[in-house]
Amino acid sequence: MGQKILITLGLSLALVQWMLCDFSHAEELRFGYEDYPPLTYNENGVAKGISIDLLTEVSRRLNMTPVFVHLPFVRILHDVEVGAIDCAVDVYRSPDREVYMHYPSISVNPDHIYLYVNKASGLTIRSFADIGDVKVGAVRGYFYGRGVLERLSSNMVFVKSCCTLSKMLAEGRINVVLGNGRSIEFYLDEIGARSKVEPALLVSQVFSYMAFSKTLGKRGQELADLYADEISRVLIEKGEKTECE
């Protein structure tokens, strides 16, 4: 009888131990992010921003371990394509990216793309026709809406980051830029140059996604949908809106 009790207790302890191990083992996911404040940015080696906080909370709820990898935007696109990272944080949707990324049906962080002008340049831009042969700055690898870059192809000057683009515009090193409203205005405020610049022309409205690498196979689409659903719940709890396709 005592032997049976010991065997039963041993099996019960083994079962509890197995359950604890199973639930404590969180799937590790690598999230690539750039300096795109206030959504994502790196501060003294630590990932910060609205989207970082959101993904940290959602990962906790889904029993995932997020690893945030700070990279230039073009490198993020490359690494998610080859599977060096699992997810690109806050990327816009475009046909070429759909080839190697799983997109969810729910987007986050809507933004507007403007043509920003340095006021001291004296330029007045109310349509694309007003641009003429003026050079237009933009961040390499960014998507600004369907057909926008193609329409301005002969005017474009590309730089590596939104921070660099904002400083160049404020200093008059380039007088017109294509800019994401949130980030351009964040950097202009940071350097005290908001009054030197104006949004001259609304170009497009865009939406950000947490897009997962297709190198993950079916798991990539599952993760994209899991995160989108949980992000939606979190935002609804906060009284914020999400956008569905």
Protein backbone atom coordinates (compact mmCIF):
# COMPACT_ATOMS: atom_id res chain seq x y z
CA MET A 1 0.00 0.00 0.00
CA GLY A 2 2.79 2.41 0.98
CA GLN A 3 4.62 1.62 -2.27
CA LYS A 4 1.47 2.44 -4.29
CA ILE A 5 1.13 5.77 -2.48
CA LEU A 6 4.77 6.62 -3.19
CA ILE A 7 4.35 5.70 -6.87
CA THR A 8 1.18 7.81 -7.08
CA LEU A 9 2.89 10.76 -5.38
CA GLY A 10 5.87 10.37 -7.70
CA LEU A 11 3.64 10.42 -10.78
CA SER A 12 1.71 13.43 -9.46
CA LEU A 13 4.92 15.35 -8.79
CA ALA A 14 6.22 14.44 -12.23
CA LEU A 15 2.96 15.67 -13.80
CA VAL A 16 3.11 18.97 -11.89
CA GLN A 17 6.77 19.40 -12.84
CA TRP A 18 5.95 18.74 -16.51
CA MET A 19 3.10 21.27 -16.41
CA LEU A 20 5.32 23.92 -14.80
CA CYS A 21 8.03 23.37 -17.39
CA ASP A 22 5.53 23.49 -20.23
CA PHE A 23 3.95 26.77 -19.15
CA SER A 24 7.22 28.42 -18.19
CA HIS A 25 8.73 27.73 -21.62
CA ALA A 26 7.94 30.81 -23.69
CA GLU A 27 8.57 30.95 -27.42
CA GLU A 28 11.30 33.49 -28.20
CA LEU A 29 10.59 35.92 -31.02
CA ARG A 30 12.98 38.47 -32.53
CA PHE A 31 11.40 41.86 -33.34
CA GLY A 32 13.32 44.22 -35.60
CA TYR A 33 12.76 47.92 -34.92
CA GLU A 34 14.30 51.21 -36.05
CA ASP A 35 14.44 54.71 -34.62
CA TYR A 36 10.90 55.77 -35.46
CA PRO A 37 9.79 57.81 -32.44
CA PRO A 38 7.50 58.01 -30.65
CA LEU A 39 6.60 54.46 -31.72
CA THR A 40 10.04 52.83 -31.54
CA TYR A 41 13.50 54.07 -30.64
CA ASN A 42 16.68 53.03 -28.86
CA GLU A 43 17.71 54.80 -25.66
CA ASN A 44 21.09 53.83 -24.22
CA GLY A 45 20.79 50.34 -25.68
CA VAL A 46 17.21 49.80 -24.49
CA ALA A 47 14.18 49.49 -26.78
CA LYS A 48 11.62 52.20 -26.02
CA GLY A 49 8.40 53.59 -27.47
CA ILE A 50 4.66 53.12 -27.78
CA SER A 51 4.92 50.03 -29.98
CA ILE A 52 7.65 48.46 -27.82
CA ASP A 53 5.42 48.79 -24.74
CA LEU A 54 2.49 47.36 -26.70
CA LEU A 55 4.45 44.36 -28.00
CA THR A 56 5.91 43.69 -24.55
CA GLU A 57 2.43 43.51 -23.02
CA VAL A 58 1.00 41.42 -25.86
CA SER A 59 3.96 39.01 -25.70
CA ARG A 60 3.40 38.58 -21.97
CA ARG A 61 -0.25 37.72 -22.56
CA LEU A 62 0.66 35.22 -25.28
CA ASN A 63 3.46 33.66 -23.20
CA MET A 64 6.10 34.77 -25.73
CA THR A 65 9.55 36.18 -25.02
CA PRO A 66 10.22 39.25 -27.18
CA VAL A 67 13.79 40.06 -28.16
CA PHE A 68 14.02 43.56 -29.63
CA VAL A 69 16.73 44.05 -32.25
CA HIS A 70 17.66 47.65 -33.15
CA LEU A 71 18.54 47.97 -36.86
CA PRO A 72 18.48 50.44 -39.76
CA PHE A 73 15.21 50.13 -41.66
CA VAL A 74 16.70 48.65 -44.84
CA ARG A 75 18.44 46.00 -42.72
CA ILE A 76 15.13 45.14 -41.03
CA LEU A 77 13.57 44.43 -44.42
CA HIS A 78 16.52 42.26 -45.41
CA ASP A 79 16.65 40.34 -42.12
CA VAL A 80 12.93 39.58 -42.04
CA GLU A 81 13.17 38.38 -45.64
CA VAL A 82 15.98 35.90 -44.87
CA GLY A 83 14.64 34.94 -41.44
CA ALA A 84 17.35 36.58 -39.30
CA ILE A 85 14.50 38.29 -37.41
CA ASP A 86 10.93 37.05 -37.01
CA CYS A 87 8.93 40.28 -37.15
CA ALA A 88 9.28 43.76 -38.59
CA VAL A 89 7.74 46.30 -36.21
CA ASP A 90 5.52 49.07 -37.60
CA VAL A 91 5.97 48.46 -41.32
CA TYR A 92 3.64 49.69 -44.02
CA ARG A 93 2.09 47.28 -46.45
CA SER A 94 3.30 47.15 -50.03
CA PRO A 95 3.17 44.51 -52.81
CA ASP A 96 6.93 43.87 -52.78
CA ARG A 97 6.95 43.29 -49.02
CA GLU A 98 4.00 40.91 -49.18
CA VAL A 99 6.29 38.52 -51.05
CA TYR A 100 8.28 37.77 -47.89
CA MET A 101 6.09 39.01 -44.99
CA HIS A 102 2.89 37.68 -43.46
CA TYR A 103 0.57 40.62 -42.77
CA PRO A 104 -2.37 40.44 -40.36
CA SER A 105 -5.82 41.84 -41.18
CA ILE A 106 -5.54 44.45 -38.40
CA SER A 107 -3.24 47.45 -38.59
CA VAL A 108 -2.02 49.80 -35.88
CA ASN A 109 -0.66 53.34 -35.66
CA PRO A 110 -2.22 55.18 -38.61
CA ASP A 111 -0.08 57.98 -39.98
CA HIS A 112 -0.07 60.56 -42.77
CA ILE A 113 2.60 61.21 -45.36
CA TYR A 114 3.26 64.85 -46.19
CA LEU A 115 5.55 66.83 -48.39
CA TYR A 116 7.27 69.05 -45.83
CA VAL A 117 8.87 72.33 -46.91
CA ASN A 118 11.49 74.51 -45.25
CA LYS A 119 9.72 77.88 -44.96
CA ALA A 120 12.90 79.85 -45.67
CA SER A 121 13.07 78.31 -49.15
CA GLY A 122 10.08 80.35 -50.29
CA LEU A 123 8.68 77.30 -52.08
CA THR A 124 4.91 76.90 -52.41
CA ILE A 125 3.80 73.34 -53.08
CA ARG A 126 0.12 72.59 -53.42
CA SER A 127 0.41 69.69 -55.89
CA PHE A 128 3.06 67.42 -57.39
CA ALA A 129 3.17 69.71 -60.42
CA ASP A 130 4.58 72.48 -58.22
CA ILE A 131 7.69 70.44 -57.39
CA GLY A 132 9.28 70.83 -60.80
CA ASP A 133 12.95 69.83 -60.62
CA VAL A 134 13.28 70.50 -56.87
CA LYS A 135 15.06 67.71 -54.99
CA VAL A 136 12.91 65.77 -52.51
CA GLY A 137 14.40 63.90 -49.56
CA ALA A 138 13.12 60.56 -48.26
CA VAL A 139 14.29 57.62 -46.16
CA ARG A 140 15.75 54.73 -48.13
CA GLY A 141 13.47 51.69 -48.08
CA TYR A 142 10.35 53.51 -46.84
CA PHE A 143 6.98 53.07 -48.53
CA TYR A 144 5.09 56.36 -48.95
CA GLY A 145 1.96 55.14 -50.68
CA ARG A 146 1.28 53.50 -54.02
CA GLY A 147 3.02 55.21 -56.91
CA VAL A 148 4.43 58.10 -54.86
CA LEU A 149 8.14 57.34 -55.27
CA GLU A 150 7.64 56.39 -58.90
CA ARG A 151 5.98 59.73 -59.55
CA LEU A 152 8.90 61.61 -57.99
CA SER A 153 11.71 59.27 -59.09
CA SER A 154 13.79 61.94 -60.85
CA ASN A 155 13.61 64.23 -57.80
CA MET A 156 14.50 61.79 -55.05
CA VAL A 157 17.46 62.00 -52.67
CA PHE A 158 17.60 59.14 -50.14
CA VAL A 159 19.04 59.16 -46.63
CA LYS A 160 19.39 56.43 -44.00
CA SER A 161 16.98 57.63 -41.30
CA CYS A 162 14.11 59.94 -40.42
CA CYS A 163 16.36 61.69 -37.89
CA THR A 164 18.87 62.60 -40.60
CA LEU A 165 16.07 63.69 -42.94
CA SER A 166 14.52 65.98 -40.33
CA LYS A 167 17.84 67.66 -39.52
CA MET A 168 18.65 68.21 -43.20
CA LEU A 169 15.26 69.84 -43.73
CA ALA A 170 15.54 72.07 -40.66
CA GLU A 171 19.05 73.19 -41.65
CA GLY A 172 18.04 73.93 -45.24
CA ARG A 173 20.38 71.31 -46.71
CA ILE A 174 17.30 70.07 -48.53
CA ASN A 175 14.13 72.13 -48.84
CA VAL A 176 11.47 69.48 -49.46
CA VAL A 177 11.05 66.02 -47.93
CA LEU A 178 8.55 63.20 -47.93
CA GLY A 179 7.82 62.58 -44.29
CA ASN A 180 5.81 60.41 -41.93
CA GLY A 181 3.92 62.91 -39.80
CA ARG A 182 4.56 61.35 -36.39
CA SER A 183 8.28 60.87 -36.72
CA ILE A 184 9.25 63.98 -38.68
CA GLU A 185 7.38 66.22 -36.24
CA PHE A 186 8.84 64.37 -33.25
CA TYR A 187 12.38 65.08 -34.45
CA LEU A 188 11.58 68.67 -35.41
CA ASP A 189 10.21 69.26 -31.92
CA GLU A 190 13.28 67.63 -30.40
CA ILE A 191 15.67 70.02 -32.15
CA GLY A 192 13.38 73.04 -31.73
CA ALA A 193 12.83 73.49 -35.46
CA ARG A 194 9.08 72.88 -35.84
CA SER A 195 8.46 76.55 -36.68
CA LYS A 196 10.94 76.41 -39.58
CA VAL A 197 8.97 73.74 -41.44
CA GLU A 198 5.44 73.31 -42.72
CA PRO A 199 3.47 70.34 -44.07
CA ALA A 200 2.72 71.64 -47.54
CA LEU A 201 0.87 68.74 -49.18
CA LEU A 202 -0.89 65.68 -47.81
CA VAL A 203 0.30 62.78 -49.96
CA SER A 204 -1.30 59.68 -48.44
CA GLN A 205 -2.62 57.96 -45.34
CA VAL A 206 -0.76 54.83 -44.27
CA PHE A 207 -1.12 52.13 -41.62
CA SER A 208 1.52 50.17 -39.73
CA TYR A 209 1.58 46.43 -39.21
CA MET A 210 3.48 43.89 -37.16
CA ALA A 211 4.52 41.69 -40.09
CA PHE A 212 6.13 38.27 -39.65
CA SER A 213 8.70 36.53 -41.84
CA LYS A 214 7.46 33.98 -44.36
CA THR A 215 10.54 31.92 -43.53
CA LEU A 216 8.48 30.83 -40.49
CA GLY A 217 6.02 29.08 -42.82
CA LYS A 218 2.45 28.70 -41.57
CA ARG A 219 3.63 29.66 -38.08
CA GLY A 220 4.38 33.13 -39.42
CA GLN A 221 0.77 33.76 -40.42
CA GLU A 222 -0.44 32.24 -37.14
CA LEU A 223 1.80 34.62 -35.18
CA ALA A 224 0.72 37.61 -37.28
CA ASP A 225 -2.94 36.84 -36.53
CA LEU A 226 -2.31 36.02 -32.85
CA TYR A 227 -0.50 39.29 -32.27
CA ALA A 228 -3.04 41.29 -34.26
CA ASP A 229 -5.96 39.86 -32.25
CA GLU A 230 -4.26 40.49 -28.91
CA ILE A 231 -3.10 43.98 -29.94
CA SER A 232 -6.72 44.74 -30.85
CA ARG A 233 -7.87 43.62 -27.39
CA VAL A 234 -5.24 45.73 -25.64
CA LEU A 235 -6.08 48.83 -27.69
CA ILE A 236 -9.82 48.38 -27.13
CA GLU A 237 -9.16 48.10 -23.39
CA LYS A 238 -7.33 51.42 -23.64
CA GLY A 239 -10.16 52.98 -25.61
CA GLU A 240 -8.08 53.22 -28.78
CA LYS A 241 -9.04 52.22 -32.31
CA THR A 242 -7.63 49.61 -34.69
CA GLU A 243 -8.13 49.41 -38.42
CA CYS A 244 -9.30 46.28 -40.25
CA GLU A 245 -8.85 45.62 -43.93
